């Protein structure tokens, strides 16, 4: 999951603490079954912005459940950014009712992204 999602970072050495360090102002929701983490969603509630959504066992409704849960917590529509190259994630978000509203590129390493809203 890590290598596929963070295409510009080396796969070795990343831990949960690394994830949390990038999300200091976010609420983190975790889907767990029988003590195994299946998915993680980081929400920046003031902007109803999903900063991160990672699911290990895809196709089982875990990502949908996390999105649906946080949508009940926010006042406005959910938004997020997805890498332009991540067609699988874009298709998932489109199935979940998100639509593209903006395109951009992050500062170096210059990863292009789409902003989507539901």
Foldseek 3Di string as FASTA:
>chain_A
DVCVQCVPDDPPDDDPVNVCVVQVQWDKDFDDDPRRTAWIWTANQVVLETEDIDGDDPPPCPSVVVNVVVVVVHDDWHKYKGFPPCVVVVVVVVVSPWDFDDWDFDPPVTGIITMITD
